[in-house]
């Protein structure tokens, strides 16, 4: 979105520069507006460069988050499996009466 806005602003700035060049040849206008436009062009170029760096950084961060999500899903699955195994291996709680009855049955 930021890149699209910058492209739009660059086009507007180019149109302004062309308009000033056309008007400047017809009328002898002071150079102040053309200097301001040159400064704006430099600022736009600088911002475009910064956006490109930001985009590269964001792609790297997105890749790191993708890796994190994959590892998190794997760890979550392993944790669920371990909890299931622990639940299945847990000895059942038996009352004293049930143990006495089982002893009598075995005898």
PDB file of N, CA and C in Angstrom:
ATOM      1  N   UNK A   1       0.837  -1.188   0.000  1.00  0.00           N
ATOM      2  CA  UNK A   1       0.000   0.000   0.000  1.00  0.00           C
ATOM      3  C   UNK A   1       0.879   1.249   0.000  1.00  0.00           C
ATOM      4  N   UNK A   2       1.922   1.211   0.826  1.00  0.00           N
ATOM      5  CA  UNK A   2       2.846   2.340   0.891  1.00  0.00           C
ATOM      6  C   UNK A   2       3.552   2.533  -0.449  1.00  0.00           C
ATOM      7  N   UNK A   3       3.929   1.437  -1.080  1.00  0.00           N
ATOM      8  CA  UNK A   3       4.570   1.525  -2.395  1.00  0.00           C
ATOM      9  C   UNK A   3       3.620   2.144  -3.419  1.00  0.00           C
ATOM     10  N   UNK A   4       2.349   1.779  -3.365  1.00  0.00           N
ATOM     11  CA  UNK A   4       1.368   2.350  -4.284  1.00  0.00           C
ATOM     12  C   UNK A   4       1.210   3.853  -4.054  1.00  0.00           C
ATOM     13  N   UNK A   5       1.170   4.252  -2.788  1.00  0.00           N
ATOM     14  CA  UNK A   5       1.059   5.674  -2.479  1.00  0.00           C
ATOM     15  C   UNK A   5       2.290   6.434  -2.970  1.00  0.00           C
ATOM     16  N   UNK A   6       3.457   5.839  -2.779  1.00  0.00           N
ATOM     17  CA  UNK A   6       4.681   6.494  -3.253  1.00  0.00           C
ATOM     18  C   UNK A   6       4.698   6.624  -4.769  1.00  0.00           C
ATOM     19  N   UNK A   7       4.222   5.600  -5.453  1.00  0.00           N
ATOM     20  CA  UNK A   7       4.160   5.655  -6.913  1.00  0.00           C
ATOM     21  C   UNK A   7       3.233   6.775  -7.360  1.00  0.00           C
ATOM     22  N   UNK A   8       2.087   6.888  -6.704  1.00  0.00           N
ATOM     23  CA  UNK A   8       1.139   7.948  -7.029  1.00  0.00           C
ATOM     24  C   UNK A   8       1.748   9.320  -6.786  1.00  0.00           C
ATOM     25  N   UNK A   9       2.405   9.481  -5.656  1.00  0.00           N
ATOM     26  CA  UNK A   9       3.038  10.771  -5.336  1.00  0.00           C
ATOM     27  C   UNK A   9       4.168  11.081  -6.316  1.00  0.00           C
ATOM     28  N   UNK A  10       4.914  10.079  -6.722  1.00  0.00           N
ATOM     29  CA  UNK A  10       5.997  10.292  -7.690  1.00  0.00           C
ATOM     30  C   UNK A  10       5.444  10.755  -9.027  1.00  0.00           C
ATOM     31  N   UNK A  11       4.337  10.142  -9.456  1.00  0.00           N
ATOM     32  CA  UNK A  11       3.710  10.547 -10.712  1.00  0.00           C
ATOM     33  C   UNK A  11       3.223  11.994 -10.617  1.00  0.00           C
ATOM     34  N   UNK A  12       2.616  12.326  -9.492  1.00  0.00           N
ATOM     35  CA  UNK A  12       2.136  13.700  -9.288  1.00  0.00           C
ATOM     36  C   UNK A  12       3.299  14.674  -9.318  1.00  0.00           C
ATOM     37  N   UNK A  13       4.388  14.306  -8.688  1.00  0.00           N
ATOM     38  CA  UNK A  13       5.577  15.157  -8.662  1.00  0.00           C
ATOM     39  C   UNK A  13       6.172  15.313 -10.062  1.00  0.00           C
ATOM     40  N   UNK A  14       6.190  14.223 -10.820  1.00  0.00           N
ATOM     41  CA  UNK A  14       6.683  14.304 -12.207  1.00  0.00           C
ATOM     42  C   UNK A  14       5.802  15.218 -13.056  1.00  0.00           C
ATOM     43  N   UNK A  15       4.489  15.101 -12.869  1.00  0.00           N
ATOM     44  CA  UNK A  15       3.571  15.964 -13.607  1.00  0.00           C
ATOM     45  C   UNK A  15       3.794  17.427 -13.238  1.00  0.00           C
ATOM     46  N   UNK A  16       4.015  17.685 -11.955  1.00  0.00           N
ATOM     47  CA  UNK A  16       4.274  19.049 -11.496  1.00  0.00           C
ATOM     48  C   UNK A  16       5.580  19.565 -12.091  1.00  0.00           C
ATOM     49  N   UNK A  17       6.569  18.702 -12.155  1.00  0.00           N
ATOM     50  CA  UNK A  17       7.858  19.085 -12.727  1.00  0.00           C
ATOM     51  C   UNK A  17       7.705  19.421 -14.213  1.00  0.00           C
ATOM     52  N   UNK A  18       6.955  18.588 -14.927  1.00  0.00           N
ATOM     53  CA  UNK A  18       6.727  18.838 -16.359  1.00  0.00           C
ATOM     54  C   UNK A  18       5.925  20.127 -16.559  1.00  0.00           C
ATOM     55  N   UNK A  19       4.930  20.333 -15.709  1.00  0.00           N
ATOM     56  CA  UNK A  19       4.115  21.544 -15.801  1.00  0.00           C
ATOM     57  C   UNK A  19       4.964  22.777 -15.545  1.00  0.00           C
ATOM     58  N   UNK A  20       5.838  22.684 -14.554  1.00  0.00           N
ATOM     59  CA  UNK A  20       6.718  23.810 -14.241  1.00  0.00           C
ATOM     60  C   UNK A  20       7.693  24.061 -15.380  1.00  0.00           C
ATOM     61  N   UNK A  21       8.174  22.992 -15.996  1.00  0.00           N
ATOM     62  CA  UNK A  21       9.099  23.137 -17.123  1.00  0.00           C
ATOM     63  C   UNK A  21       8.397  23.808 -18.305  1.00  0.00           C
ATOM     64  N   UNK A  22       7.152  23.416 -18.559  1.00  0.00           N
ATOM     65  CA  UNK A  22       6.401  24.036 -19.660  1.00  0.00           C
ATOM     66  C   UNK A  22       6.103  25.494 -19.362  1.00  0.00           C
ATOM     67  N   UNK A  23       5.667  25.765 -18.134  1.00  0.00           N
ATOM     68  CA  UNK A  23       5.361  27.143 -17.743  1.00  0.00           C
ATOM     69  C   UNK A  23       6.629  27.971 -17.629  1.00  0.00           C
ATOM     70  N   UNK A  24       7.703  27.324 -17.232  1.00  0.00           N
ATOM     71  CA  UNK A  24       8.972  28.032 -17.065  1.00  0.00           C
ATOM     72  C   UNK A  24       9.534  28.502 -18.394  1.00  0.00           C
ATOM     73  N   UNK A  25       9.306  27.722 -19.444  1.00  0.00           N
ATOM     74  CA  UNK A  25       9.812  28.139 -20.745  1.00  0.00           C
ATOM     75  C   UNK A  25       8.954  29.273 -21.314  1.00  0.00           C
ATOM     76  N   UNK A  26       7.671  29.270 -20.973  1.00  0.00           N
ATOM     77  CA  UNK A  26       6.790  30.324 -21.470  1.00  0.00           C
ATOM     78  C   UNK A  26       6.962  31.596 -20.647  1.00  0.00           C
ATOM     79  N   UNK A  27       7.068  31.447 -19.364  1.00  0.00           N
ATOM     80  CA  UNK A  27       7.243  32.587 -18.465  1.00  0.00           C
ATOM     81  C   UNK A  27       8.570  32.397 -17.750  1.00  0.00           C
ATOM     82  N   UNK A  28       9.255  33.416 -17.484  1.00  0.00           N
ATOM     83  CA  UNK A  28      10.513  33.309 -16.748  1.00  0.00           C
ATOM     84  C   UNK A  28      10.198  33.288 -15.252  1.00  0.00           C
ATOM     85  N   UNK A  29       9.926  32.082 -14.729  1.00  0.00           N
ATOM     86  CA  UNK A  29       9.597  31.938 -13.307  1.00  0.00           C
ATOM     87  C   UNK A  29      10.875  31.799 -12.510  1.00  0.00           C
ATOM     88  N   UNK A  30      10.828  32.156 -11.256  1.00  0.00           N
ATOM     89  CA  UNK A  30      12.015  31.991 -10.418  1.00  0.00           C
ATOM     90  C   UNK A  30      12.339  30.506 -10.242  1.00  0.00           C
ATOM     91  N   UNK A  31      13.568  30.241  -9.896  1.00  0.00           N
ATOM     92  CA  UNK A  31      14.008  28.853  -9.779  1.00  0.00           C
ATOM     93  C   UNK A  31      13.623  28.221  -8.449  1.00  0.00           C
ATOM     94  N   UNK A  32      13.055  28.967  -7.536  1.00  0.00           N
ATOM     95  CA  UNK A  32      12.684  28.431  -6.221  1.00  0.00           C
ATOM     96  C   UNK A  32      11.743  27.235  -6.326  1.00  0.00           C
ATOM     97  N   UNK A  33      10.667  27.306  -7.124  1.00  0.00           N
ATOM     98  CA  UNK A  33       9.791  26.125  -7.216  1.00  0.00           C
ATOM     99  C   UNK A  33      10.512  24.902  -7.781  1.00  0.00           C
ATOM    100  N   UNK A  34      11.379  25.102  -8.765  1.00  0.00           N
ATOM    101  CA  UNK A  34      12.075  23.952  -9.331  1.00  0.00           C
ATOM    102  C   UNK A  34      13.059  23.362  -8.327  1.00  0.00           C
ATOM    103  N   UNK A  35      13.655  24.213  -7.475  1.00  0.00           N
ATOM    104  CA  UNK A  35      14.538  23.703  -6.421  1.00  0.00           C
ATOM    105  C   UNK A  35      13.745  22.893  -5.406  1.00  0.00           C
ATOM    106  N   UNK A  36      12.570  23.380  -5.046  1.00  0.00           N
ATOM    107  CA  UNK A  36      11.717  22.644  -4.096  1.00  0.00           C
ATOM    108  C   UNK A  36      11.310  21.292  -4.685  1.00  0.00           C
ATOM    109  N   UNK A  37      10.996  21.295  -5.974  1.00  0.00           N
ATOM    110  CA  UNK A  37      10.612  20.041  -6.627  1.00  0.00           C
ATOM    111  C   UNK A  37      11.795  19.074  -6.643  1.00  0.00           C
ATOM    112  N   UNK A  38      12.988  19.580  -6.883  1.00  0.00           N
ATOM    113  CA  UNK A  38      14.180  18.722  -6.870  1.00  0.00           C
ATOM    114  C   UNK A  38      14.388  18.134  -5.481  1.00  0.00           C
ATOM    115  N   UNK A  39      14.186  18.951  -4.451  1.00  0.00           N
ATOM    116  CA  UNK A  39      14.306  18.449  -3.069  1.00  0.00           C
ATOM    117  C   UNK A  39      13.250  17.382  -2.801  1.00  0.00           C
ATOM    118  N   UNK A  40      12.029  17.632  -3.275  1.00  0.00           N
ATOM    119  CA  UNK A  40      10.961  16.645  -3.086  1.00  0.00           C
ATOM    120  C   UNK A  40      11.291  15.340  -3.805  1.00  0.00           C
ATOM    121  N   UNK A  41      11.856  15.453  -4.997  1.00  0.00           N
ATOM    122  CA  UNK A  41      12.249  14.240  -5.742  1.00  0.00           C
ATOM    123  C   UNK A  41      13.297  13.452  -4.969  1.00  0.00           C
ATOM    124  N   UNK A  42      14.263  14.152  -4.386  1.00  0.00           N
ATOM    125  CA  UNK A  42      15.286  13.476  -3.579  1.00  0.00           C
ATOM    126  C   UNK A  42      14.660  12.806  -2.363  1.00  0.00           C
ATOM    127  N   UNK A  43      13.703  13.500  -1.747  1.00  0.00           N
ATOM    128  CA  UNK A  43      13.025  12.923  -0.579  1.00  0.00           C
ATOM    129  C   UNK A  43      12.242  11.675  -0.970  1.00  0.00           C
ATOM    130  N   UNK A  44      11.566  11.738  -2.103  1.00  0.00           N
ATOM    131  CA  UNK A  44      10.799  10.577  -2.577  1.00  0.00           C
ATOM    132  C   UNK A  44      11.743   9.417  -2.858  1.00  0.00           C
ATOM    133  N   UNK A  45      12.872   9.689  -3.506  1.00  0.00           N
ATOM    134  CA  UNK A  45      13.846   8.624  -3.779  1.00  0.00           C
ATOM    135  C   UNK A  45      14.360   8.007  -2.484  1.00  0.00           C
ATOM    136  N   UNK A  46      14.611   8.851  -1.500  1.00  0.00           N
ATOM    137  CA  UNK A  46      15.074   8.359  -0.199  1.00  0.00           C
ATOM    138  C   UNK A  46      14.012   7.485   0.457  1.00  0.00           C
ATOM    139  N   UNK A  47      12.771   7.927   0.394  1.00  0.00           N
ATOM    140  CA  UNK A  47      11.670   7.159   0.994  1.00  0.00           C
ATOM    141  C   UNK A  47      11.490   5.835   0.264  1.00  0.00           C
ATOM    142  N   UNK A  48      11.601   5.846  -1.054  1.00  0.00           N
ATOM    143  CA  UNK A  48      11.481   4.608  -1.836  1.00  0.00           C
ATOM    144  C   UNK A  48      12.569   3.624  -1.413  1.00  0.00           C
ATOM    145  N   UNK A  49      13.772   4.145  -1.211  1.00  0.00           N
ATOM    146  CA  UNK A  49      14.876   3.288  -0.758  1.00  0.00           C
ATOM    147  C   UNK A  49      14.585   2.717   0.626  1.00  0.00           C
ATOM    148  N   UNK A  50      14.077   3.545   1.522  1.00  0.00           N
ATOM    149  CA  UNK A  50      13.754   3.082   2.874  1.00  0.00           C
ATOM    150  C   UNK A  50      12.643   2.040   2.850  1.00  0.00           C
ATOM    151  N   UNK A  51      11.659   2.241   1.984  1.00  0.00           N
ATOM    152  CA  UNK A  51      10.563   1.281   1.868  1.00  0.00           C
ATOM    153  C   UNK A  51      11.096  -0.056   1.346  1.00  0.00           C
ATOM    154  N   UNK A  52      12.019  -0.003   0.413  1.00  0.00           N
ATOM    155  CA  UNK A  52      12.612  -1.243  -0.111  1.00  0.00           C
ATOM    156  C   UNK A  52      13.352  -1.992   1.001  1.00  0.00           C
ATOM    157  N   UNK A  53      14.097  -1.249   1.825  1.00  0.00           N
ATOM    158  CA  UNK A  53      14.798  -1.877   2.951  1.00  0.00           C
ATOM    159  C   UNK A  53      13.795  -2.452   3.937  1.00  0.00           C
ATOM    160  N   UNK A  54      12.733  -1.707   4.201  1.00  0.00           N
ATOM    161  CA  UNK A  54      11.697  -2.173   5.122  1.00  0.00           C
ATOM    162  C   UNK A  54      11.027  -3.434   4.591  1.00  0.00           C
ATOM    163  N   UNK A  55      10.781  -3.463   3.292  1.00  0.00           N
ATOM    164  CA  UNK A  55      10.151  -4.634   2.674  1.00  0.00           C
ATOM    165  C   UNK A  55      11.037  -5.865   2.832  1.00  0.00           C
ATOM    166  N   UNK A  56      12.335  -5.680   2.620  1.00  0.00           N
ATOM    167  CA  UNK A  56      13.276  -6.793   2.790  1.00  0.00           C
ATOM    168  C   UNK A  56      13.268  -7.288   4.232  1.00  0.00           C
ATOM    169  N   UNK A  57      13.295  -6.350   5.168  1.00  0.00           N
ATOM    170  CA  UNK A  57      13.265  -6.720   6.588  1.00  0.00           C
ATOM    171  C   UNK A  57      11.972  -7.439   6.935  1.00  0.00           C
ATOM    172  N   UNK A  58      10.865  -6.940   6.423  1.00  0.00           N
ATOM    173  CA  UNK A  58       9.576  -7.553   6.722  1.00  0.00           C
ATOM    174  C   UNK A  58       9.479  -8.961   6.146  1.00  0.00           C
ATOM    175  N   UNK A  59      10.050  -9.177   4.964  1.00  0.00           N
ATOM    176  CA  UNK A  59      10.037 -10.518   4.379  1.00  0.00           C
ATOM    177  C   UNK A  59      10.834 -11.482   5.253  1.00  0.00           C
ATOM    178  N   UNK A  60      11.959 -11.006   5.767  1.00  0.00           N
ATOM    179  CA  UNK A  60      12.770 -11.834   6.656  1.00  0.00           C
ATOM    180  C   UNK A  60      11.993 -12.164   7.935  1.00  0.00           C
ATOM    181  N   UNK A  61      11.325 -11.167   8.483  1.00  0.00           N
ATOM    182  CA  UNK A  61      10.545 -11.371   9.714  1.00  0.00           C
ATOM    183  C   UNK A  61       9.391 -12.335   9.449  1.00  0.00           C
ATOM    184  N   UNK A  62       8.723 -12.185   8.320  1.00  0.00           N
ATOM    185  CA  UNK A  62       7.626 -13.093   7.982  1.00  0.00           C
ATOM    186  C   UNK A  62       8.116 -14.530   7.841  1.00  0.00           C
ATOM    187  N   UNK A  63       9.294 -14.702   7.268  1.00  0.00           N
ATOM    188  CA  UNK A  63       9.864 -16.042   7.136  1.00  0.00           C
ATOM    189  C   UNK A  63      10.160 -16.632   8.519  1.00  0.00           C
ATOM    190  N   UNK A  64      10.697 -15.806   9.410  1.00  0.00           N
ATOM    191  CA  UNK A  64      10.973 -16.273  10.766  1.00  0.00           C
ATOM    192  C   UNK A  64       9.685 -16.651  11.489  1.00  0.00           C
ATOM    193  N   UNK A  65       8.614 -15.885  11.301  1.00  0.00           N
ATOM    194  CA  UNK A  65       7.332 -16.225  11.916  1.00  0.00           C
ATOM    195  C   UNK A  65       6.768 -17.513  11.328  1.00  0.00           C
ATOM    196  N   UNK A  66       6.963 -17.722  10.022  1.00  0.00           N
ATOM    197  CA  UNK A  66       6.489 -18.952   9.394  1.00  0.00           C
ATOM    198  C   UNK A  66       7.183 -20.154  10.018  1.00  0.00           C
ATOM    199  N   UNK A  67       8.494 -20.055  10.193  1.00  0.00           N
ATOM    200  CA  UNK A  67       9.262 -21.134  10.822  1.00  0.00           C
ATOM    201  C   UNK A  67       8.777 -21.341  12.260  1.00  0.00           C
ATOM    202  N   UNK A  68       8.558 -20.238  12.964  1.00  0.00           N
ATOM    203  CA  UNK A  68       8.058 -20.329  14.346  1.00  0.00           C
ATOM    204  C   UNK A  68       6.716 -21.059  14.381  1.00  0.00           C
ATOM    205  N   UNK A  69       5.800 -20.695  13.485  1.00  0.00           N
ATOM    206  CA  UNK A  69       4.487 -21.342  13.460  1.00  0.00           C
ATOM    207  C   UNK A  69       4.595 -22.841  13.201  1.00  0.00           C
ATOM    208  N   UNK A  70       5.495 -23.222  12.288  1.00  0.00           N
ATOM    209  CA  UNK A  70       5.681 -24.652  12.001  1.00  0.00           C
ATOM    210  C   UNK A  70       6.206 -25.394  13.229  1.00  0.00           C
ATOM    211  N   UNK A  71       7.217 -24.819  13.869  1.00  0.00           N
ATOM    212  CA  UNK A  71       7.805 -25.457  15.054  1.00  0.00           C
ATOM    213  C   UNK A  71       6.790 -25.496  16.196  1.00  0.00           C
ATOM    214  N   UNK A  72       6.032 -24.415  16.353  1.00  0.00           N
ATOM    215  CA  UNK A  72       5.023 -24.367  17.406  1.00  0.00           C
ATOM    216  C   UNK A  72       3.969 -25.458  17.193  1.00  0.00           C
ATOM    217  N   UNK A  73       3.530 -25.634  15.955  1.00  0.00           N
ATOM    218  CA  UNK A  73       2.540 -26.673  15.664  1.00  0.00           C
ATOM    219  C   UNK A  73       3.106 -28.054  15.978  1.00  0.00           C
ATOM    220  N   UNK A  74       4.372 -28.269  15.638  1.00  0.00           N
ATOM    221  CA  UNK A  74       5.009 -29.564  15.915  1.00  0.00           C
ATOM    222  C   UNK A  74       5.117 -29.811  17.419  1.00  0.00           C
ATOM    223  N   UNK A  75       5.549 -28.796  18.148  1.00  0.00           N
ATOM    224  CA  UNK A  75       5.683 -28.930  19.605  1.00  0.00           C
ATOM    225  C   UNK A  75       4.315 -29.138  20.248  1.00  0.00           C
ATOM    226  N   UNK A  76       3.320 -28.437  19.761  1.00  0.00           N
ATOM    227  CA  UNK A  76       1.965 -28.591  20.298  1.00  0.00           C
ATOM    228  C   UNK A  76       1.453 -30.014  20.088  1.00  0.00           C
ATOM    229  N   UNK A  77       1.696 -30.556  18.899  1.00  0.00           N
ATOM    230  CA  UNK A  77       1.279 -31.927  18.611  1.00  0.00           C
ATOM    231  C   UNK A  77       2.005 -32.922  19.514  1.00  0.00           C
ATOM    232  N   UNK A  78       3.317 -32.719  19.683  1.00  0.00           N
ATOM    233  CA  UNK A  78       4.085 -33.621  20.550  1.00  0.00           C
ATOM    234  C   UNK A  78       3.600 -33.532  21.988  1.00  0.00           C
ATOM    235  N   UNK A  79       3.306 -32.334  22.443  1.00  0.00           N
ATOM    236  CA  UNK A  79       2.810 -32.152  23.815  1.00  0.00           C
ATOM    237  C   UNK A  79       1.482 -32.883  23.997  1.00  0.00           C
ATOM    238  N   UNK A  80       0.614 -32.767  23.018  1.00  0.00           N
ATOM    239  CA  UNK A  80      -0.677 -33.456  23.093  1.00  0.00           C
ATOM    240  C   UNK A  80      -0.479 -34.969  23.145  1.00  0.00           C
ATOM    241  N   UNK A  81       0.444 -35.470  22.335  1.00  0.00           N
ATOM    242  CA  UNK A  81       0.721 -36.920  22.348  1.00  0.00           C
ATOM    243  C   UNK A  81       1.260 -37.361  23.706  1.00  0.00           C
ATOM    244  N   UNK A  82       2.195 -36.584  24.256  1.00  0.00           N
ATOM    245  CA  UNK A  82       2.760 -36.948  25.559  1.00  0.00           C
ATOM    246  C   UNK A  82       1.706 -36.905  26.660  1.00  0.00           C
ATOM    247  N   UNK A  83       0.847 -35.906  26.621  1.00  0.00           N
ATOM    248  CA  UNK A  83      -0.219 -35.836  27.625  1.00  0.00           C
ATOM    249  C   UNK A  83      -1.153 -37.030  27.511  1.00  0.00           C
ATOM    250  N   UNK A  84      -1.443 -37.458  26.283  1.00  0.00           N
ATOM    251  CA  UNK A  84      -2.286 -38.625  26.077  1.00  0.00           C
ATOM    252  C   UNK A  84      -1.612 -39.872  26.641  1.00  0.00           C
ATOM    253  N   UNK A  85      -0.318 -40.026  26.347  1.00  0.00           N
ATOM    254  CA  UNK A  85       0.420 -41.198  26.847  1.00  0.00           C
ATOM    255  C   UNK A  85       0.461 -41.207  28.370  1.00  0.00           C
ATOM    256  N   UNK A  86       0.718 -40.055  28.949  1.00  0.00           N
ATOM    257  CA  UNK A  86       0.763 -39.975  30.417  1.00  0.00           C
ATOM    258  C   UNK A  86      -0.599 -40.326  30.996  1.00  0.00           C
ATOM    259  N   UNK A  87      -1.653 -39.851  30.359  1.00  0.00           N
ATOM    260  CA  UNK A  87      -2.997 -40.138  30.846  1.00  0.00           C
ATOM    261  C   UNK A  87      -3.298 -41.631  30.744  1.00  0.00           C
ATOM    262  N   UNK A  88      -2.835 -42.272  29.676  1.00  0.00           N
ATOM    263  CA  UNK A  88      -3.093 -43.699  29.495  1.00  0.00           C
ATOM    264  C   UNK A  88      -2.248 -44.558  30.433  1.00  0.00           C
ATOM    265  N   UNK A  89      -1.071 -44.093  30.774  1.00  0.00           N
ATOM    266  CA  UNK A  89      -0.172 -44.878  31.626  1.00  0.00           C
ATOM    267  C   UNK A  89      -0.410 -44.644  33.120  1.00  0.00           C
ATOM    268  N   UNK A  90      -1.244 -43.707  33.428  1.00  0.00           N
ATOM    269  CA  UNK A  90      -1.508 -43.386  34.828  1.00  0.00           C
ATOM    270  C   UNK A  90      -2.202 -44.573  35.507  1.00  0.00           C
ATOM    271  N   UNK A  91      -1.689 -44.963  36.660  1.00  0.00           N
ATOM    272  CA  UNK A  91      -2.361 -46.067  37.347  1.00  0.00           C
ATOM    273  C   UNK A  91      -3.746 -45.617  37.823  1.00  0.00           C
ATOM    274  N   UNK A  92      -4.682 -46.525  37.705  1.00  0.00           N
ATOM    275  CA  UNK A  92      -6.034 -46.174  38.128  1.00  0.00           C
ATOM    276  C   UNK A  92      -6.089 -46.147  39.656  1.00  0.00           C
ATOM    277  N   UNK A  93      -6.823 -45.211  40.170  1.00  0.00           N
ATOM    278  CA  UNK A  93      -6.957 -45.067  41.618  1.00  0.00           C
ATOM    279  C   UNK A  93      -7.999 -46.076  42.086  1.00  0.00           C
ATOM    280  N   UNK A  94      -7.568 -46.934  42.998  1.00  0.00           N
ATOM    281  CA  UNK A  94      -8.451 -47.992  43.470  1.00  0.00           C
ATOM    282  C   UNK A  94      -8.646 -47.810  44.971  1.00  0.00           C
ATOM    283  N   UNK A  95      -9.860 -48.021  45.427  1.00  0.00           N
ATOM    284  CA  UNK A  95     -10.152 -47.873  46.853  1.00  0.00           C
ATOM    285  C   UNK A  95      -9.670 -49.111  47.608  1.00  0.00           C
ATOM    286  N   UNK A  96      -9.573 -48.980  48.901  1.00  0.00           N
ATOM    287  CA  UNK A  96      -9.135 -50.076  49.765  1.00  0.00           C
ATOM    288  C   UNK A  96     -10.116 -51.242  49.709  1.00  0.00           C
ATOM    289  N   UNK A  97     -11.390 -50.924  49.635  1.00  0.00           N
ATOM    290  CA  UNK A  97     -12.407 -51.975  49.564  1.00  0.00           C
ATOM    291  C   UNK A  97     -12.267 -52.785  48.271  1.00  0.00           C
ATOM    292  N   UNK A  98     -12.005 -52.096  47.168  1.00  0.00           N
ATOM    293  CA  UNK A  98     -11.856 -52.791  45.895  1.00  0.00           C
ATOM    294  C   UNK A  98     -10.631 -53.691  45.918  1.00  0.00           C
ATOM    295  N   UNK A  99      -9.548 -53.233  46.563  1.00  0.00           N
ATOM    296  CA  UNK A  99      -8.341 -54.059  46.666  1.00  0.00           C
ATOM    297  C   UNK A  99      -8.601 -55.303  47.527  1.00  0.00           C
ATOM    298  N   UNK A 100      -9.310 -55.146  48.635  1.00  0.00           N
ATOM    299  CA  UNK A 100      -9.644 -56.288  49.496  1.00  0.00           C
ATOM    300  C   UNK A 100     -10.470 -57.308  48.741  1.00  0.00           C
ATOM    301  N   UNK A 101     -11.425 -56.806  47.941  1.00  0.00           N
ATOM    302  CA  UNK A 101     -12.287 -57.702  47.183  1.00  0.00           C
ATOM    303  C   UNK A 101     -11.468 -58.452  46.132  1.00  0.00           C
ATOM    304  N   UNK A 102     -10.520 -57.756  45.492  1.00  0.00           N
ATOM    305  CA  UNK A 102      -9.685 -58.393  44.476  1.00  0.00           C
ATOM    306  C   UNK A 102      -8.785 -59.443  45.118  1.00  0.00           C
ATOM    307  N   UNK A 103      -8.254 -59.187  46.310  1.00  0.00           N
ATOM    308  CA  UNK A 103      -7.429 -60.154  47.019  1.00  0.00           C
ATOM    309  C   UNK A 103      -8.230 -61.400  47.352  1.00  0.00           C
ATOM    310  N   UNK A 104      -9.457 -61.226  47.825  1.00  0.00           N
ATOM    311  CA  UNK A 104     -10.296 -62.378  48.142  1.00  0.00           C
ATOM    312  C   UNK A 104     -10.589 -63.194  46.896  1.00  0.00           C
ATOM    313  N   UNK A 105     -10.831 -62.494  45.771  1.00  0.00           N
ATOM    314  CA  UNK A 105     -11.121 -63.192  44.520  1.00  0.00           C
ATOM    315  C   UNK A 105      -9.899 -64.008  44.076  1.00  0.00           C
ATOM    316  N   UNK A 106      -8.735 -63.421  44.216  1.00  0.00           N
ATOM    317  CA  UNK A 106      -7.521 -64.131  43.804  1.00  0.00           C
ATOM    318  C   UNK A 106      -7.238 -65.312  44.721  1.00  0.00           C
ATOM    319  N   UNK A 107      -7.570 -65.184  45.985  1.00  0.00           N
ATOM    320  CA  UNK A 107      -7.316 -66.295  46.911  1.00  0.00           C
ATOM    321  C   UNK A 107      -8.250 -67.447  46.587  1.00  0.00           C
TER     322      UNK A 107
END
